[in-house]
Amino acid sequence: MTRPDELTFAPLGGVGEIGMNLYLYGIGKGSQRKWLAVDLGVSFGDEEHLPGIDLIMPDIRFLEKERKNLVGLVLTHVHEDHFGAILDLWPKLKCPIYATQFSAALFRAKCEAERNPPKIPVTVVPSGGKVDLGPFNVEFIPVAHSIPEAHALAIRTSVGVVLHTGDWKIDKTPIIGKPTDERRLRELGDEGVLALIGDSTNAVREGTSPSETEVAKTLAELVKNAKGRVAVTTFASNVSRLRAVADAARAVGREVVVVGRAMERVVQVARESGYLDGVQNFRGADLYGHFPPDKVLALCTGSQGEPRAALARIANDDHPQVTLNKGDCVIFSSRTIPGNEKSVGGIINGLIKQGIEVITDRTHLVHVSGHPRRDELREMISWVRPQLLIPVHGEALHLFEHAKLARACGVPKVLTCVNGDLVRLGPGDPAIIEQIPSGRLYKDGNILEDAKSRAVVERRKIAFAGCAFVAIALDAKGELADDPEVELVGIPEKNTAGEPLDDLVFELVISTVETLPKAKRRDPDAVGESVRRAVRSALNEQWGKKPLCYVHVLTV
């Protein structure tokens, strides 16, 4: 008698963190197991801890080995943390991709903006539609979120049905798109749901997330009362918010000027997809200066403080076409993603110093989250009635609170896991049965590096403690053929006594070489290592930090 198939779940990103989402579902046993991937996203680098790193992506070496068993990649929606890694990582997988119309169109537009993008085919599935992928049947169930066409996925298998929520909220009055499909989710609950794999982002917040309609009312009031120029910054992908801003501007006779390439791209795709039907045409940044201050509204990228985005350039008076002056108003219709507080705060402070009024969600309802609060999580559980709940898409606190809430709601089984855990969903009791390779890849310019790469590790050290470069020329007898060259980078010029550190290092290098035994002086590697140790030790004594030290020994 053959054993029944085993249904497994494995997060490779997005659990214990917000961002970098990649989830795997497996059916079968051992090497015969077929895999379905859900989302393939990025996180953003933190200049303080990862200087020079633009993007962070999930390590997909496990999937590369399983490529022949990978039946496809399904996208819940196209926020960067769910699809931003495809351009870099898809060439290693070359699997079919499935997404709904808006998601496919925005992905195509992103590809077209690249210099030499790989040709990546995407199969369009209708919203509410189903697709068979090997042993998986995947249904796209509409949910409300802060981007058009977000979907939960009902994944049917021989073992049972899994509901993968993706990012969602309950918004009964969305400005754009369909509300979360309560009727379909209740039907799914009647059918029987083995496991609910759910968004935990707002599991620490009581109540229900306000509606986009409420934000639209606030924006309309603020724009109506503004006297000078108005700039609004928001996530470019939030088409509902773009529409609300456009309606607010039209009501008071202001022209909308779009500033920033990402914003232009989303506006174009949203118009082509019908999500901006009936909305007035927007103007290019080149026309901004042609309108009186009370007749223009700039819709800008840069809500997260990105240094080259439109708002940062405007705040620094560095934008070639768009300026703001005393008495003008900037509305941050967004929330600051953790880690971006310093850069956003810098822009806000810069604007305020120029006499520009800044409005944020601290004082006005100018932004709402696209994720469910606790009452919404309770509703989802009551509709779906899962046998098992696994919290994902959140840091440790969010996962813990979601799990605790699920137990209080009477979910029979609740399991928490981390990236790299292989979880058996069924048959039998759910359990973590294995670890699979997981980790992070760092995008450094055009190159993908793993977490242990020399560039990533050394740059972090250089950012903290600088670097000393020493060049020594030795003759055949092991004597110094010339004065050593010393260069200190990112290291203070003088010690606490006011003595130049490069002079101290210069003298130390000479004395270290001259006090080495003659036999050792004929070994360039031994000389280099002795000098390196001496320089690091001396700088630590003088400064209190150990910089990196590179010694080049040349024999002449």
Protein backbone atom coordinates (compact mmCIF):
# COMPACT_ATOMS: atom_id res chain seq x y z
CA MET A 1 0.00 0.00 0.00
CA THR A 2 1.43 3.40 -1.02
CA ARG A 3 1.70 6.15 1.55
CA PRO A 4 -0.50 9.20 0.88
CA ASP A 5 1.04 12.40 -0.45
CA GLU A 6 2.50 14.84 2.06
CA LEU A 7 1.65 18.57 1.84
CA THR A 8 4.42 20.87 3.07
CA PHE A 9 5.04 24.59 3.51
CA ALA A 10 8.44 26.29 3.55
CA PRO A 11 9.04 30.04 3.89
CA LEU A 12 12.34 31.25 2.42
CA GLY A 13 11.63 34.92 3.24
CA GLY A 14 8.92 36.96 4.91
CA VAL A 15 8.73 35.16 8.27
CA GLY A 16 10.36 36.95 11.19
CA GLU A 17 10.59 40.05 8.99
CA ILE A 18 8.40 42.32 6.89
CA GLY A 19 9.58 42.10 3.30
CA MET A 20 11.51 39.70 1.03
CA ASN A 21 8.52 37.37 0.70
CA LEU A 22 9.02 33.90 -0.80
CA TYR A 23 6.83 30.96 0.20
CA LEU A 24 6.94 27.38 -1.08
CA TYR A 25 4.25 24.71 -1.06
CA GLY A 26 5.27 21.11 -1.73
CA ILE A 27 3.23 18.02 -2.51
CA GLY A 28 4.61 14.50 -2.76
CA LYS A 29 7.54 12.78 -1.09
CA GLY A 30 11.33 13.17 -1.25
CA SER A 31 12.80 13.83 -4.68
CA GLN A 32 9.37 13.41 -6.29
CA ARG A 33 7.93 16.39 -4.39
CA LYS A 34 6.53 19.11 -6.67
CA TRP A 35 6.90 22.73 -5.59
CA LEU A 36 4.77 25.84 -6.04
CA ALA A 37 6.37 29.23 -5.26
CA VAL A 38 4.30 32.19 -4.06
CA ASP A 39 5.83 35.68 -4.49
CA LEU A 40 9.49 36.60 -4.89
CA GLY A 41 10.22 39.93 -3.22
CA VAL A 42 12.94 42.18 -1.83
CA SER A 43 13.78 44.09 1.31
CA PHE A 44 15.68 47.35 1.19
CA GLY A 45 19.23 47.89 2.39
CA ASP A 46 19.98 49.80 5.57
CA GLU A 47 22.89 52.19 5.00
CA GLU A 48 23.84 52.04 8.67
CA HIS A 49 24.30 48.26 8.78
CA LEU A 50 24.75 47.44 5.07
CA PRO A 51 26.49 50.41 3.45
CA GLY A 52 26.14 50.41 -0.34
CA ILE A 53 23.63 47.54 -0.45
CA ASP A 54 20.58 48.50 -2.52
CA LEU A 55 18.34 45.45 -2.15
CA ILE A 56 18.14 42.25 -0.10
CA MET A 57 16.70 39.10 -1.66
CA PRO A 58 15.96 35.57 -0.48
CA ASP A 59 18.65 32.95 -1.08
CA ILE A 60 17.10 30.55 -3.64
CA ARG A 61 19.80 27.86 -3.81
CA PHE A 62 17.26 25.27 -2.58
CA LEU A 63 14.86 26.19 -5.39
CA GLU A 64 17.68 26.13 -7.95
CA LYS A 65 18.37 22.50 -7.03
CA GLU A 66 14.63 21.74 -7.21
CA ARG A 67 14.11 23.64 -10.45
CA LYS A 68 12.89 20.60 -12.38
CA ASN A 69 10.16 20.09 -9.73
CA LEU A 70 9.08 23.76 -9.62
CA VAL A 71 5.70 23.99 -11.37
CA GLY A 72 5.40 27.78 -11.23
CA LEU A 73 5.60 31.10 -9.41
CA VAL A 74 2.29 32.75 -8.50
CA LEU A 75 2.10 36.45 -7.56
CA THR A 76 -0.42 37.66 -4.97
CA HIS A 77 0.21 41.31 -5.99
CA VAL A 78 3.01 43.57 -7.21
CA HIS A 79 4.46 45.42 -4.27
CA GLU A 80 8.27 45.30 -4.33
CA ASP A 81 8.42 43.10 -1.24
CA HIS A 82 6.42 40.49 -3.17
CA PHE A 83 7.78 40.71 -6.72
CA GLY A 84 10.88 42.92 -6.67
CA ALA A 85 13.43 40.06 -6.86
CA ILE A 86 12.07 38.48 -10.05
CA LEU A 87 14.27 40.40 -12.47
CA ASP A 88 17.43 39.28 -10.68
CA LEU A 89 16.47 35.75 -9.61
CA TRP A 90 14.12 34.43 -12.32
CA PRO A 91 17.02 33.66 -14.74
CA LYS A 92 18.21 31.09 -12.16
CA LEU A 93 14.76 29.42 -12.11
CA LYS A 94 13.13 30.01 -15.53
CA CYS A 95 9.77 28.83 -14.20
CA PRO A 96 6.35 29.94 -15.47
CA ILE A 97 4.88 33.02 -13.71
CA TYR A 98 1.15 33.56 -13.11
CA ALA A 99 -0.46 36.88 -12.19
CA THR A 100 -3.60 38.90 -12.85
CA GLN A 101 -3.79 41.60 -15.52
CA PHE A 102 -2.68 44.71 -13.59
CA SER A 103 0.14 42.83 -11.88
CA ALA A 104 1.40 41.47 -15.22
CA ALA A 105 1.19 44.93 -16.82
CA LEU A 106 3.10 46.67 -14.02
CA PHE A 107 5.75 43.94 -14.13
CA ARG A 108 6.11 44.41 -17.91
CA ALA A 109 6.48 48.18 -17.42
CA LYS A 110 9.17 47.58 -14.82
CA CYS A 111 11.03 45.29 -17.23
CA GLU A 112 10.83 47.88 -20.01
CA ALA A 113 12.44 50.48 -17.73
CA GLU A 114 15.55 48.27 -17.35
CA ARG A 115 18.50 48.44 -19.75
CA ASN A 116 18.75 44.77 -20.67
CA PRO A 117 15.94 42.94 -18.92
CA PRO A 118 15.60 39.18 -19.32
CA LYS A 119 12.57 38.16 -21.38
CA ILE A 120 10.22 36.85 -18.70
CA PRO A 121 6.84 35.54 -19.88
CA VAL A 122 3.88 36.02 -17.53
CA THR A 123 0.61 34.10 -17.91
CA VAL A 124 -2.39 36.31 -17.08
CA VAL A 125 -5.08 34.73 -14.90
CA PRO A 126 -8.41 36.57 -14.46
CA SER A 127 -9.26 37.94 -11.02
CA GLY A 128 -11.33 35.21 -9.36
CA GLY A 129 -9.96 32.67 -11.86
CA LYS A 130 -8.28 29.31 -11.34
CA VAL A 131 -5.20 27.68 -12.83
CA ASP A 132 -3.91 24.10 -12.62
CA LEU A 133 -0.18 23.86 -11.89
CA GLY A 134 0.87 20.21 -11.65
CA PRO A 135 -0.72 18.78 -8.49
CA PHE A 136 -1.91 22.26 -7.38
CA ASN A 137 -5.09 24.08 -8.33
CA VAL A 138 -4.76 27.78 -7.51
CA GLU A 139 -7.72 30.15 -7.22
CA PHE A 140 -7.21 33.93 -7.13
CA ILE A 141 -9.64 35.38 -4.54
CA PRO A 142 -9.88 39.22 -4.56
CA VAL A 143 -8.87 41.01 -1.35
CA ALA A 144 -8.64 44.71 -0.53
CA HIS A 145 -5.10 46.11 -0.22
CA SER A 146 -3.18 49.28 -1.07
CA ILE A 147 -2.65 48.28 -4.73
CA PRO A 148 -5.08 47.05 -7.38
CA GLU A 149 -5.68 43.34 -7.84
CA ALA A 150 -4.32 41.92 -4.61
CA HIS A 151 -5.41 38.31 -4.17
CA ALA A 152 -5.50 35.60 -1.59
CA LEU A 153 -4.72 32.19 -3.04
CA ALA A 154 -6.84 29.11 -2.41
CA ILE A 155 -4.39 26.28 -3.10
CA ARG A 156 -6.18 22.94 -3.57
CA THR A 157 -4.25 19.68 -3.30
CA SER A 158 -4.95 15.99 -2.77
CA VAL A 159 -4.26 16.49 0.95
CA GLY A 160 -6.46 19.55 1.50
CA VAL A 161 -7.02 23.24 0.81
CA VAL A 162 -4.61 25.96 1.96
CA LEU A 163 -5.60 29.63 2.02
CA HIS A 164 -2.57 31.85 1.52
CA THR A 165 -3.92 35.33 2.31
CA GLY A 166 -1.16 37.47 0.81
CA ASP A 167 -1.48 41.10 1.97
CA TRP A 168 -5.08 42.06 2.70
CA LYS A 169 -7.52 44.05 4.80
CA ILE A 170 -11.30 44.37 5.04
CA ASP A 171 -12.26 47.63 3.31
CA LYS A 172 -15.94 47.63 2.43
CA THR A 173 -15.64 50.95 0.55
CA PRO A 174 -12.41 50.79 -1.45
CA ILE A 175 -11.89 53.60 -3.95
CA ILE A 176 -10.54 51.22 -6.58
CA GLY A 177 -11.01 47.52 -7.15
CA LYS A 178 -13.07 44.91 -5.37
CA PRO A 179 -13.55 44.60 -1.62
CA THR A 180 -12.31 41.45 0.09
CA ASP A 181 -14.56 38.67 -1.19
CA GLU A 182 -16.27 37.62 2.04
CA ARG A 183 -18.80 35.39 0.24
CA ARG A 184 -16.09 33.36 -1.52
CA LEU A 185 -14.03 33.04 1.66
CA ARG A 186 -17.07 31.79 3.59
CA GLU A 187 -17.71 29.23 0.82
CA LEU A 188 -14.09 28.13 1.15
CA GLY A 189 -14.65 27.68 4.89
CA ASP A 190 -17.71 25.52 4.12
CA GLU A 191 -15.56 23.43 1.74
CA GLY A 192 -13.01 22.93 4.55
CA VAL A 193 -9.65 24.64 4.95
CA LEU A 194 -6.70 22.61 6.16
CA ALA A 195 -4.43 25.61 6.79
CA LEU A 196 -4.61 29.40 6.80
CA ILE A 197 -1.21 31.02 6.11
CA GLY A 198 -1.85 34.62 7.08
CA ASP A 199 -0.60 38.22 7.05
CA SER A 200 0.50 39.31 10.56
CA THR A 201 1.68 42.89 9.89
CA ASN A 202 -0.91 44.63 12.08
CA ALA A 203 -1.56 41.82 14.56
CA VAL A 204 -0.51 44.12 17.42
CA ARG A 205 -3.19 46.73 16.59
CA GLU A 206 -6.73 46.47 17.92
CA GLY A 207 -9.80 47.35 15.89
CA THR A 208 -10.22 47.64 12.14
CA SER A 209 -8.09 49.52 9.58
CA PRO A 210 -9.92 52.65 8.36
CA SER A 211 -11.11 52.76 4.74
CA GLU A 212 -9.40 54.49 1.81
CA THR A 213 -12.62 56.51 1.49
CA GLU A 214 -11.85 58.18 4.85
CA VAL A 215 -8.38 59.16 3.63
CA ALA A 216 -9.90 60.62 0.45
CA LYS A 217 -12.15 62.89 2.56
CA THR A 218 -9.17 64.17 4.58
CA LEU A 219 -7.08 64.82 1.46
CA ALA A 220 -9.97 66.72 -0.17
CA GLU A 221 -10.29 68.97 2.89
CA LEU A 222 -6.54 69.64 3.14
CA VAL A 223 -6.17 70.48 -0.56
CA LYS A 224 -9.28 72.72 -0.40
CA ASN A 225 -7.80 74.74 2.49
CA ALA A 226 -4.29 75.07 1.04
CA LYS A 227 -3.29 78.56 -0.11
CA GLY A 228 -0.04 77.98 -1.99
CA ARG A 229 1.42 75.04 -3.88
CA VAL A 230 0.64 71.53 -2.65
CA ALA A 231 2.87 68.46 -2.99
CA VAL A 232 1.58 65.01 -2.05
CA THR A 233 3.91 62.05 -1.69
CA THR A 234 2.70 58.48 -1.39
CA PHE A 235 3.63 54.95 -2.46
CA ALA A 236 3.51 55.09 -6.27
CA SER A 237 1.64 51.78 -6.42
CA ASN A 238 -1.29 53.03 -4.32
CA VAL A 239 -3.61 53.80 -7.25
CA SER A 240 -6.57 54.43 -4.91
CA ARG A 241 -4.56 57.22 -3.27
CA LEU A 242 -3.54 58.66 -6.66
CA ARG A 243 -7.20 58.78 -7.64
CA ALA A 244 -8.18 60.41 -4.33
CA VAL A 245 -5.49 63.08 -4.79
CA ALA A 246 -6.65 63.72 -8.37
CA ASP A 247 -10.28 64.11 -7.24
CA ALA A 248 -9.21 66.51 -4.46
CA ALA A 249 -7.25 68.62 -6.96
CA ARG A 250 -10.04 68.70 -9.55
CA ALA A 251 -12.58 69.83 -6.92
CA VAL A 252 -10.61 73.08 -6.38
CA GLY A 253 -9.34 73.61 -9.93
CA ARG A 254 -5.74 72.43 -9.44
CA GLU A 255 -3.75 70.69 -12.17
CA VAL A 256 -1.97 67.47 -11.11
CA VAL A 257 1.70 67.28 -12.07
CA VAL A 258 3.34 63.85 -11.78
CA VAL A 259 6.96 63.99 -10.56
CA GLY A 260 9.10 60.83 -10.51
CA ARG A 261 9.59 57.93 -12.90
CA ALA A 262 8.01 55.26 -10.65
CA MET A 263 4.87 57.41 -10.32
CA GLU A 264 4.73 57.99 -14.08
CA ARG A 265 5.01 54.24 -14.72
CA VAL A 266 2.17 53.31 -12.33
CA VAL A 267 -0.08 56.08 -13.70
CA GLN A 268 0.44 54.81 -17.24
CA VAL A 269 -0.36 51.17 -16.32
CA ALA A 270 -3.35 52.21 -14.17
CA ARG A 271 -4.81 54.20 -17.09
CA GLU A 272 -4.25 51.33 -19.52
CA SER A 273 -5.90 48.94 -17.03
CA GLY A 274 -8.96 51.18 -16.57
CA TYR A 275 -8.28 52.06 -12.92
CA LEU A 276 -8.08 55.81 -13.67
CA ASP A 277 -11.10 55.98 -16.00
CA GLY A 278 -12.79 59.34 -15.60
CA VAL A 279 -9.75 60.90 -13.93
CA GLN A 280 -8.38 64.06 -15.60
CA ASN A 281 -5.14 63.89 -17.55
CA PHE A 282 -2.06 64.57 -15.45
CA ARG A 283 0.69 66.97 -16.51
CA GLY A 284 4.42 66.40 -16.85
CA ALA A 285 6.91 68.01 -14.45
CA ASP A 286 8.04 70.34 -17.28
CA LEU A 287 4.71 72.21 -17.01
CA TYR A 288 4.81 72.68 -13.22
CA GLY A 289 6.14 76.25 -13.38
CA HIS A 290 3.45 77.33 -15.86
CA PHE A 291 0.64 77.20 -13.25
CA PRO A 292 -0.09 79.73 -10.48
CA PRO A 293 0.70 78.42 -6.96
CA ASP A 294 -2.98 77.89 -6.09
CA LYS A 295 -3.67 76.01 -9.33
CA VAL A 296 -1.09 73.20 -9.13
CA LEU A 297 -0.58 70.00 -7.11
CA ALA A 298 2.59 67.93 -7.43
CA LEU A 299 2.21 64.16 -6.99
CA CYS A 300 5.72 63.02 -5.98
CA THR A 301 7.75 59.90 -5.36
CA GLY A 302 10.00 59.83 -2.29
CA SER A 303 7.68 59.12 0.65
CA GLN A 304 10.39 56.90 2.21
CA GLY A 305 13.13 59.51 2.06
CA GLU A 306 14.91 57.99 -0.96
CA PRO A 307 17.78 60.40 -1.68
CA ARG A 308 17.32 60.55 -5.47
CA ALA A 309 13.52 60.49 -5.51
CA ALA A 310 11.53 63.57 -6.45
CA LEU A 311 10.66 64.85 -2.96
CA ALA A 312 14.23 64.70 -1.63
CA ARG A 313 15.43 66.68 -4.63
CA ILE A 314 12.62 69.21 -4.19
CA ALA A 315 13.41 69.54 -0.46
CA ASN A 316 17.09 70.12 -1.30
CA ASP A 317 16.14 72.67 -3.98
CA ASP A 318 17.88 70.35 -6.40
CA HIS A 319 14.99 69.50 -8.74
CA PRO A 320 15.34 70.99 -12.25
CA GLN A 321 11.60 71.70 -12.66
CA VAL A 322 9.78 71.65 -9.31
CA THR A 323 10.28 74.07 -6.42
CA LEU A 324 8.47 74.79 -3.15
CA ASN A 325 8.49 78.02 -1.14
CA LYS A 326 7.47 79.39 2.23
CA GLY A 327 3.73 78.92 2.74
CA ASP A 328 3.47 75.87 0.46
CA CYS A 329 2.32 72.51 1.83
CA VAL A 330 3.65 68.94 1.61
CA ILE A 331 1.39 66.01 2.56
CA PHE A 332 3.03 62.67 3.42
CA SER A 333 0.16 60.32 2.50
CA SER A 334 2.16 57.30 3.63
CA ARG A 335 3.68 55.63 6.65
CA THR A 336 7.42 55.45 7.21
CA ILE A 337 8.71 51.91 6.78
CA PRO A 338 10.85 50.89 9.80
CA GLY A 339 14.48 51.72 9.04
CA ASN A 340 13.63 54.80 6.96
CA GLU A 341 12.81 57.11 9.89
CA LYS A 342 16.11 58.99 9.74
CA SER A 343 15.98 59.80 6.03
CA VAL A 344 12.27 60.76 6.12
CA GLY A 345 12.87 62.88 9.23
CA GLY A 346 15.72 64.66 7.46
CA ILE A 347 13.45 65.65 4.56
CA ILE A 348 10.63 66.77 6.88
CA ASN A 349 13.02 68.90 8.95
CA GLY A 350 14.52 70.41 5.80
CA LEU A 351 11.08 71.39 4.50
CA ILE A 352 10.00 72.89 7.81
CA LYS A 353 13.19 75.01 8.00
CA GLN A 354 12.19 76.50 4.64
CA GLY A 355 8.81 77.55 6.04
CA ILE A 356 6.89 74.78 4.23
CA GLU A 357 3.97 73.20 6.11
CA VAL A 358 4.33 69.42 6.46
CA ILE A 359 1.32 67.20 7.17
CA THR A 360 1.74 63.53 8.17
CA ASP A 361 -0.40 60.74 9.59
CA ARG A 362 0.64 61.82 13.08
CA THR A 363 -1.95 64.61 12.98
CA HIS A 364 -4.32 63.80 10.10
CA LEU A 365 -5.90 60.69 8.56
CA VAL A 366 -3.81 60.96 5.38
CA HIS A 367 -2.80 57.29 5.30
CA VAL A 368 -4.27 53.93 6.20
CA SER A 369 -2.54 50.59 6.26
CA GLY A 370 -3.31 47.91 3.69
CA HIS A 371 -3.02 45.20 6.34
CA PRO A 372 -5.61 43.74 8.77
CA ARG A 373 -5.86 44.73 12.40
CA ARG A 374 -6.99 42.29 15.08
CA ASP A 375 -10.76 42.52 14.46
CA GLU A 376 -10.16 41.80 10.78
CA LEU A 377 -7.96 38.81 11.63
CA ARG A 378 -10.78 37.50 13.83
CA GLU A 379 -13.26 37.92 10.97
CA MET A 380 -11.04 36.05 8.51
CA ILE A 381 -10.70 33.16 10.97
CA SER A 382 -14.49 33.07 11.50
CA TRP A 383 -15.13 32.96 7.73
CA VAL A 384 -12.50 30.34 6.88
CA ARG A 385 -12.56 28.20 10.06
CA PRO A 386 -9.12 26.63 9.40
CA GLN A 387 -7.88 23.49 11.13
CA LEU A 388 -4.40 25.07 11.32
CA LEU A 389 -3.11 28.66 11.27
CA ILE A 390 0.49 29.66 10.52
CA PRO A 391 1.30 33.38 10.92
CA VAL A 392 3.64 34.88 8.28
CA HIS A 393 4.55 38.36 6.96
CA GLY A 394 5.70 39.89 10.23
CA GLU A 395 8.47 40.23 12.76
CA ALA A 396 8.62 37.96 15.82
CA LEU A 397 6.22 40.13 17.84
CA HIS A 398 3.62 40.22 15.04
CA LEU A 399 3.79 36.44 14.54
CA PHE A 400 3.47 35.83 18.29
CA GLU A 401 0.41 38.09 18.62
CA HIS A 402 -1.27 36.58 15.55
CA ALA A 403 -0.71 33.07 16.91
CA LYS A 404 -2.04 34.06 20.34
CA LEU A 405 -5.14 35.62 18.74
CA ALA A 406 -5.75 32.49 16.63
CA ARG A 407 -5.67 30.29 19.74
CA ALA A 408 -8.11 32.63 21.49
CA CYS A 409 -10.41 32.34 18.45
CA GLY A 410 -10.47 28.57 18.85
CA VAL A 411 -8.31 27.54 15.91
CA PRO A 412 -7.55 23.86 16.70
CA LYS A 413 -3.85 24.00 15.75
CA VAL A 414 -1.48 26.97 15.57
CA LEU A 415 2.17 26.69 14.52
CA THR A 416 4.87 29.34 14.24
CA CYS A 417 7.95 28.84 12.09
CA VAL A 418 10.97 30.71 10.71
CA ASN A 419 12.54 31.04 7.30
CA GLY A 420 14.06 27.71 6.28
CA ASP A 421 11.63 25.52 8.24
CA LEU A 422 9.94 22.76 6.25
CA VAL A 423 6.49 22.35 7.81
CA ARG A 424 4.25 19.34 7.31
CA LEU A 425 0.69 20.61 6.89
CA GLY A 426 -0.84 17.15 6.47
CA PRO A 427 -1.79 14.42 6.67
CA GLY A 428 -1.42 14.00 10.43
CA ASP A 429 -0.34 16.58 12.97
CA PRO A 430 1.41 19.68 11.62
CA ALA A 431 5.09 19.82 12.53
CA ILE A 432 8.44 21.25 11.49
CA ILE A 433 10.07 18.19 9.92
CA GLU A 434 13.27 19.51 8.37
CA GLN A 435 15.44 22.56 7.68
CA ILE A 436 16.13 23.63 4.11
CA PRO A 437 18.81 26.08 2.96
CA SER A 438 17.74 29.69 3.39
CA GLY A 439 19.40 33.06 3.81
CA ARG A 440 19.88 36.39 2.13
CA LEU A 441 21.41 37.70 -1.06
CA TYR A 442 22.60 41.29 -1.24
CA LYS A 443 22.40 43.32 -4.44
CA ASP A 444 25.61 45.33 -4.54
CA GLY A 445 25.46 47.48 -7.69
CA ASN A 446 24.85 44.93 -10.42
CA ILE A 447 26.26 41.97 -8.46
CA LEU A 448 24.46 39.54 -6.16
CA GLU A 449 26.49 38.60 -3.07
CA ASP A 450 25.69 36.23 -0.24
CA ALA A 451 25.74 37.35 3.40
CA LYS A 452 29.29 36.04 3.95
CA SER A 453 30.77 37.76 0.90
CA ARG A 454 34.00 39.65 1.50
CA ALA A 455 32.61 42.89 0.07
CA VAL A 456 29.62 42.96 2.43
CA VAL A 457 31.58 41.98 5.56
CA GLU A 458 34.55 44.27 4.91
CA ARG A 459 32.46 47.30 3.93
CA ARG A 460 30.61 47.07 7.23
CA LYS A 461 33.96 47.03 9.06
CA ILE A 462 35.31 49.92 6.98
CA ALA A 463 32.17 51.96 7.72
CA PHE A 464 32.76 51.43 11.44
CA ALA A 465 36.53 51.73 11.77
CA GLY A 466 38.12 52.81 8.47
CA CYS A 467 41.10 51.22 6.76
CA ALA A 468 44.88 51.58 6.83
CA PHE A 469 46.89 50.93 3.64
CA VAL A 470 50.63 50.32 3.91
CA ALA A 471 53.08 49.68 1.03
CA ILE A 472 56.66 48.50 1.75
CA ALA A 473 59.57 47.95 -0.65
CA LEU A 474 62.32 45.49 0.50
CA ASP A 475 65.63 44.72 -1.18
CA ALA A 476 67.18 41.22 -1.51
CA LYS A 477 68.65 41.45 2.01
CA GLY A 478 65.30 42.28 3.55
CA GLU A 479 66.22 45.93 4.14
CA LEU A 480 63.80 48.79 3.40
CA ALA A 481 64.57 49.96 -0.14
CA ASP A 482 62.58 53.18 0.33
CA ASP A 483 60.27 54.92 2.78
CA PRO A 484 57.03 53.03 3.35
CA GLU A 485 53.81 54.52 1.97
CA VAL A 486 50.97 54.93 4.49
CA GLU A 487 47.39 55.98 3.77
CA LEU A 488 44.67 56.10 6.41
CA VAL A 489 41.07 56.16 5.13
CA GLY A 490 38.16 56.96 7.46
CA ILE A 491 40.54 57.26 10.44
CA PRO A 492 41.00 60.46 12.51
CA GLU A 493 43.94 62.64 11.51
CA LYS A 494 45.26 63.12 15.05
CA ASN A 495 45.22 61.32 18.40
CA THR A 496 44.02 62.90 21.67
CA ALA A 497 47.48 64.49 22.15
CA GLY A 498 47.17 66.20 18.74
CA GLU A 499 49.86 64.02 17.09
CA PRO A 500 49.26 63.04 13.42
CA LEU A 501 48.30 59.37 13.31
CA ASP A 502 49.81 58.80 9.87
CA ASP A 503 53.22 59.93 11.23
CA LEU A 504 52.89 57.52 14.16
CA VAL A 505 51.98 54.66 11.81
CA PHE A 506 54.84 55.58 9.45
CA GLU A 507 57.40 55.37 12.28
CA LEU A 508 55.83 52.16 13.59
CA VAL A 509 56.08 50.44 10.18
CA ILE A 510 59.81 51.26 9.95
CA SER A 511 60.57 50.12 13.51
CA THR A 512 58.51 46.91 13.07
CA VAL A 513 60.43 45.92 9.91
CA GLU A 514 63.82 46.84 11.34
CA THR A 515 63.31 44.84 14.55
CA LEU A 516 62.30 41.64 12.72
CA PRO A 517 64.95 38.88 12.56
CA LYS A 518 66.85 38.93 9.24
CA ALA A 519 65.46 35.54 8.15
CA LYS A 520 61.90 36.76 8.68
CA ARG A 521 62.57 39.96 6.74
CA ARG A 522 63.27 37.88 3.61
CA ASP A 523 59.74 36.43 3.81
CA PRO A 524 57.31 39.06 2.37
CA ASP A 525 54.26 37.31 3.88
CA ALA A 526 55.79 37.29 7.36
CA VAL A 527 56.75 40.98 7.07
CA GLY A 528 53.26 41.89 5.87
CA GLU A 529 51.52 40.02 8.71
CA SER A 530 53.84 41.49 11.38
CA VAL A 531 53.24 45.05 10.11
CA ARG A 532 49.47 44.48 9.83
CA ARG A 533 49.22 43.29 13.44
CA ALA A 534 51.41 46.13 14.73
CA VAL A 535 49.46 48.85 12.88
CA ARG A 536 46.04 47.55 14.00
CA SER A 537 47.23 47.24 17.60
CA ALA A 538 48.78 50.73 17.63
CA LEU A 539 45.70 52.38 16.12
CA ASN A 540 43.49 50.58 18.62
CA GLU A 541 45.67 51.91 21.44
CA GLN A 542 45.64 55.47 20.07
CA TRP A 543 42.01 55.60 18.88
CA GLY A 544 40.06 52.79 20.55
CA LYS A 545 39.06 51.11 17.29
CA LYS A 546 40.71 48.42 15.16
CA PRO A 547 40.53 49.36 11.49
CA LEU A 548 41.05 46.99 8.61
CA CYS A 549 44.68 47.03 7.55
CA TYR A 550 46.13 46.02 4.18
CA VAL A 551 49.89 45.69 3.74
CA HIS A 552 51.50 45.28 0.34
CA VAL A 553 55.16 44.11 0.41
CA LEU A 554 57.15 44.56 -2.78
CA THR A 555 60.62 42.98 -3.23
CA VAL A 556 63.07 44.86 -5.48
